[in-house]
N, C-alpha and C. Protein backbone atom coordinates (compact mmCIF):
# COMPACT_ATOMS: atom_id res chain seq x y z
N MET A 1 -6.72 6.47 4.53
CA MET A 1 -6.12 7.55 5.27
C MET A 1 -5.37 8.44 4.27
N SER A 2 -5.78 9.68 4.16
CA SER A 2 -5.17 10.59 3.21
C SER A 2 -3.80 11.06 3.70
N ILE A 3 -2.87 11.10 2.78
CA ILE A 3 -1.50 11.51 3.13
C ILE A 3 -1.12 12.82 2.45
N TYR A 4 -1.60 13.02 1.23
CA TYR A 4 -1.21 14.18 0.45
C TYR A 4 -2.34 14.52 -0.51
N SER A 5 -2.62 15.81 -0.69
CA SER A 5 -3.69 16.22 -1.61
C SER A 5 -3.29 17.44 -2.41
N THR A 6 -3.73 17.46 -3.65
CA THR A 6 -3.66 18.62 -4.53
C THR A 6 -5.07 18.78 -5.10
N PRO A 7 -5.33 19.85 -5.84
CA PRO A 7 -6.65 19.95 -6.48
C PRO A 7 -6.89 18.83 -7.51
N ASN A 8 -5.83 18.24 -8.06
CA ASN A 8 -5.97 17.24 -9.11
C ASN A 8 -5.96 15.79 -8.63
N PHE A 9 -5.32 15.51 -7.49
CA PHE A 9 -5.24 14.14 -6.99
C PHE A 9 -4.91 14.13 -5.51
N SER A 10 -5.15 12.96 -4.90
CA SER A 10 -4.78 12.76 -3.50
C SER A 10 -4.20 11.35 -3.35
N ILE A 11 -3.35 11.19 -2.35
CA ILE A 11 -2.67 9.92 -2.10
C ILE A 11 -3.19 9.36 -0.78
N HIS A 12 -3.57 8.07 -0.80
CA HIS A 12 -4.16 7.42 0.36
C HIS A 12 -3.51 6.07 0.62
N VAL A 13 -3.56 5.66 1.89
CA VAL A 13 -3.21 4.29 2.28
C VAL A 13 -4.41 3.77 3.06
N ARG A 14 -4.84 2.55 2.74
CA ARG A 14 -6.01 1.97 3.39
C ARG A 14 -5.59 0.85 4.34
N GLY A 15 -6.27 0.79 5.46
CA GLY A 15 -5.96 -0.23 6.46
C GLY A 15 -6.51 -1.60 6.13
N ASP A 16 -7.54 -1.67 5.31
CA ASP A 16 -8.16 -2.95 4.98
C ASP A 16 -7.65 -3.48 3.64
N ASP A 17 -6.40 -3.24 3.35
CA ASP A 17 -5.85 -3.55 2.04
C ASP A 17 -5.00 -4.81 2.05
N HIS A 18 -4.58 -5.22 0.89
CA HIS A 18 -3.84 -6.46 0.64
C HIS A 18 -2.40 -6.14 0.24
N PRO A 19 -1.49 -7.11 0.40
CA PRO A 19 -0.14 -6.94 -0.11
C PRO A 19 -0.17 -6.93 -1.64
N PRO A 20 0.85 -6.45 -2.29
CA PRO A 20 2.07 -5.86 -1.76
C PRO A 20 1.82 -4.45 -1.23
N PRO A 21 2.76 -3.91 -0.45
CA PRO A 21 2.59 -2.55 0.04
C PRO A 21 2.35 -1.59 -1.13
N HIS A 22 1.34 -0.74 -0.98
CA HIS A 22 1.01 0.20 -2.05
C HIS A 22 0.17 1.35 -1.51
N CYS A 23 0.06 2.38 -2.31
CA CYS A 23 -0.82 3.49 -2.00
C CYS A 23 -1.81 3.65 -3.15
N HIS A 24 -2.85 4.41 -2.90
CA HIS A 24 -3.87 4.68 -3.91
C HIS A 24 -3.81 6.15 -4.26
N VAL A 25 -3.84 6.45 -5.53
CA VAL A 25 -3.91 7.83 -6.01
C VAL A 25 -5.29 8.01 -6.60
N ARG A 26 -6.06 8.94 -6.02
CA ARG A 26 -7.41 9.25 -6.51
C ARG A 26 -7.35 10.59 -7.23
N PHE A 27 -7.89 10.60 -8.42
CA PHE A 27 -7.87 11.81 -9.24
C PHE A 27 -9.21 12.54 -9.14
N SER A 28 -9.19 13.83 -9.42
CA SER A 28 -10.39 14.65 -9.29
C SER A 28 -11.50 14.20 -10.25
N ASP A 29 -11.16 13.49 -11.32
CA ASP A 29 -12.19 13.00 -12.25
C ASP A 29 -12.82 11.69 -11.79
N GLY A 30 -12.41 11.19 -10.60
CA GLY A 30 -12.97 9.96 -10.06
C GLY A 30 -12.16 8.71 -10.36
N SER A 31 -11.18 8.79 -11.24
CA SER A 31 -10.35 7.63 -11.53
C SER A 31 -9.31 7.45 -10.43
N ASN A 32 -8.67 6.28 -10.41
CA ASN A 32 -7.64 6.03 -9.41
C ASN A 32 -6.63 5.03 -9.95
N VAL A 33 -5.51 4.96 -9.27
CA VAL A 33 -4.45 4.02 -9.62
C VAL A 33 -3.77 3.58 -8.33
N SER A 34 -3.38 2.31 -8.28
CA SER A 34 -2.60 1.79 -7.15
C SER A 34 -1.14 1.79 -7.55
N VAL A 35 -0.27 2.19 -6.62
CA VAL A 35 1.15 2.31 -6.90
C VAL A 35 1.93 1.61 -5.79
N THR A 36 2.80 0.66 -6.17
CA THR A 36 3.58 -0.06 -5.17
C THR A 36 4.59 0.87 -4.51
N ILE A 37 4.87 0.55 -3.25
CA ILE A 37 5.91 1.27 -2.53
C ILE A 37 6.89 0.22 -1.98
N PRO A 38 8.14 0.49 -1.97
CA PRO A 38 8.82 1.74 -2.26
C PRO A 38 9.24 1.91 -3.72
N LEU A 39 8.91 0.97 -4.60
CA LEU A 39 9.40 1.04 -5.97
C LEU A 39 8.70 2.07 -6.84
N ILE A 40 7.53 2.52 -6.41
CA ILE A 40 6.72 3.50 -7.14
C ILE A 40 6.43 3.00 -8.55
N GLU A 41 5.88 1.79 -8.61
CA GLU A 41 5.47 1.17 -9.87
C GLU A 41 3.94 1.07 -9.89
N PRO A 42 3.31 1.65 -10.91
CA PRO A 42 1.85 1.52 -11.00
C PRO A 42 1.46 0.06 -11.18
N MET A 43 0.35 -0.33 -10.56
CA MET A 43 -0.12 -1.71 -10.64
C MET A 43 -1.16 -1.84 -11.75
N TYR A 44 -1.36 -3.07 -12.20
CA TYR A 44 -2.41 -3.41 -13.15
C TYR A 44 -2.28 -2.70 -14.49
N GLY A 45 -1.06 -2.45 -14.93
CA GLY A 45 -0.84 -1.88 -16.25
C GLY A 45 -1.14 -0.39 -16.36
N ALA A 46 -1.33 0.27 -15.24
CA ALA A 46 -1.63 1.71 -15.24
C ALA A 46 -0.36 2.52 -15.45
N THR A 47 -0.53 3.81 -15.65
CA THR A 47 0.59 4.74 -15.75
C THR A 47 0.34 5.91 -14.80
N ILE A 48 1.42 6.59 -14.44
CA ILE A 48 1.29 7.78 -13.60
C ILE A 48 2.12 8.90 -14.22
N SER A 49 1.72 10.12 -13.95
CA SER A 49 2.43 11.29 -14.46
C SER A 49 3.67 11.56 -13.61
N SER A 50 4.53 12.40 -14.12
CA SER A 50 5.73 12.78 -13.36
C SER A 50 5.33 13.56 -12.11
N GLU A 51 4.21 14.29 -12.15
CA GLU A 51 3.73 15.03 -10.99
C GLU A 51 3.32 14.07 -9.87
N VAL A 52 2.62 13.01 -10.22
CA VAL A 52 2.20 12.02 -9.23
C VAL A 52 3.43 11.28 -8.69
N ARG A 53 4.34 10.88 -9.57
CA ARG A 53 5.55 10.20 -9.13
C ARG A 53 6.34 11.07 -8.16
N ALA A 54 6.47 12.35 -8.47
CA ALA A 54 7.22 13.27 -7.60
C ALA A 54 6.53 13.40 -6.24
N ALA A 55 5.19 13.46 -6.22
CA ALA A 55 4.47 13.58 -4.96
C ALA A 55 4.67 12.32 -4.11
N ILE A 56 4.65 11.16 -4.73
CA ILE A 56 4.88 9.92 -3.98
C ILE A 56 6.32 9.88 -3.47
N GLU A 57 7.28 10.23 -4.31
CA GLU A 57 8.69 10.25 -3.89
C GLU A 57 8.87 11.20 -2.71
N ASP A 58 8.27 12.40 -2.78
CA ASP A 58 8.42 13.39 -1.71
C ASP A 58 7.79 12.95 -0.40
N ASN A 59 6.80 12.08 -0.48
CA ASN A 59 6.08 11.64 0.71
C ASN A 59 6.27 10.15 1.01
N LEU A 60 7.28 9.54 0.39
CA LEU A 60 7.47 8.10 0.49
C LEU A 60 7.66 7.61 1.92
N ASP A 61 8.42 8.32 2.72
CA ASP A 61 8.64 7.90 4.11
C ASP A 61 7.32 7.85 4.87
N GLU A 62 6.50 8.88 4.72
CA GLU A 62 5.22 8.90 5.43
C GLU A 62 4.28 7.82 4.89
N ILE A 63 4.26 7.61 3.58
CA ILE A 63 3.42 6.57 2.99
C ILE A 63 3.83 5.21 3.53
N ALA A 64 5.13 4.92 3.53
CA ALA A 64 5.62 3.63 4.03
C ALA A 64 5.35 3.47 5.51
N ASP A 65 5.53 4.54 6.28
CA ASP A 65 5.26 4.47 7.72
C ASP A 65 3.78 4.19 7.99
N ARG A 66 2.90 4.82 7.22
CA ARG A 66 1.46 4.58 7.39
C ARG A 66 1.11 3.15 7.01
N TRP A 67 1.69 2.66 5.90
CA TRP A 67 1.41 1.26 5.50
C TRP A 67 1.83 0.32 6.63
N ASP A 68 3.06 0.53 7.14
CA ASP A 68 3.57 -0.34 8.21
C ASP A 68 2.70 -0.27 9.46
N ALA A 69 2.23 0.92 9.81
CA ALA A 69 1.40 1.07 11.01
C ALA A 69 0.04 0.38 10.83
N LEU A 70 -0.50 0.43 9.63
CA LEU A 70 -1.81 -0.17 9.36
C LEU A 70 -1.74 -1.66 9.04
N HIS A 71 -0.55 -2.15 8.70
CA HIS A 71 -0.37 -3.55 8.32
C HIS A 71 0.83 -4.15 9.05
N PRO A 72 0.72 -4.32 10.37
CA PRO A 72 1.87 -4.84 11.12
C PRO A 72 2.21 -6.26 10.68
N VAL A 73 3.49 -6.53 10.68
CA VAL A 73 3.97 -7.86 10.31
C VAL A 73 3.73 -8.78 11.50
N ARG A 74 3.09 -9.88 11.23
CA ARG A 74 2.81 -10.85 12.30
C ARG A 74 3.76 -12.01 12.17
N GLU A 75 4.25 -12.44 13.32
CA GLU A 75 5.13 -13.60 13.34
C GLU A 75 4.31 -14.84 12.98
N PRO A 76 4.84 -15.71 12.14
CA PRO A 76 4.09 -16.92 11.82
C PRO A 76 3.95 -17.80 13.05
N LYS A 77 2.78 -18.42 13.15
CA LYS A 77 2.55 -19.33 14.28
C LYS A 77 3.20 -20.66 13.98
N GLU A 78 3.69 -21.28 15.05
CA GLU A 78 4.28 -22.61 14.90
C GLU A 78 3.15 -23.60 14.64
N PRO A 79 3.33 -24.50 13.70
CA PRO A 79 2.27 -25.48 13.47
C PRO A 79 2.11 -26.39 14.68
N LYS A 80 0.85 -26.78 14.92
CA LYS A 80 0.59 -27.68 16.03
C LYS A 80 1.12 -29.06 15.67
N LYS A 81 1.73 -29.69 16.66
CA LYS A 81 2.25 -31.03 16.45
C LYS A 81 1.11 -32.03 16.56
N LYS A 82 1.08 -32.94 15.64
CA LYS A 82 0.05 -33.96 15.66
C LYS A 82 0.43 -35.03 16.66
N LYS A 83 -0.56 -35.46 17.42
CA LYS A 83 -0.33 -36.53 18.37
C LYS A 83 -0.51 -37.86 17.64
N LEU A 84 0.38 -38.76 17.92
CA LEU A 84 0.28 -40.08 17.33
C LEU A 84 -0.71 -40.91 18.13
N LYS A 85 -1.61 -41.55 17.44
CA LYS A 85 -2.57 -42.43 18.10
C LYS A 85 -1.94 -43.79 18.32
N ARG A 86 -2.09 -44.27 19.52
CA ARG A 86 -1.56 -45.60 19.83
C ARG A 86 -2.70 -46.60 19.77
N LYS A 87 -2.36 -47.79 19.30
CA LYS A 87 -3.36 -48.85 19.21
C LYS A 87 -3.46 -49.61 20.49
């Protein structure tokens, strides 16, 4: 789901994604980088420009809201109690 676009890059959040919360930045040359939110730290040893960082900062609330909407927190299920077998 696209959140922000420029001619050079766009910011997306995907619904079929894994933790930790993050967004994807796709560049016009076809490359991309994943960036954690809300810390705005590039993942996997990547780097981001100040322009990309500023765009994420400016749109951080919407990015986080989209992540939360696409990845609702589920309450953990209580483990089933084992029945004791009687002899």
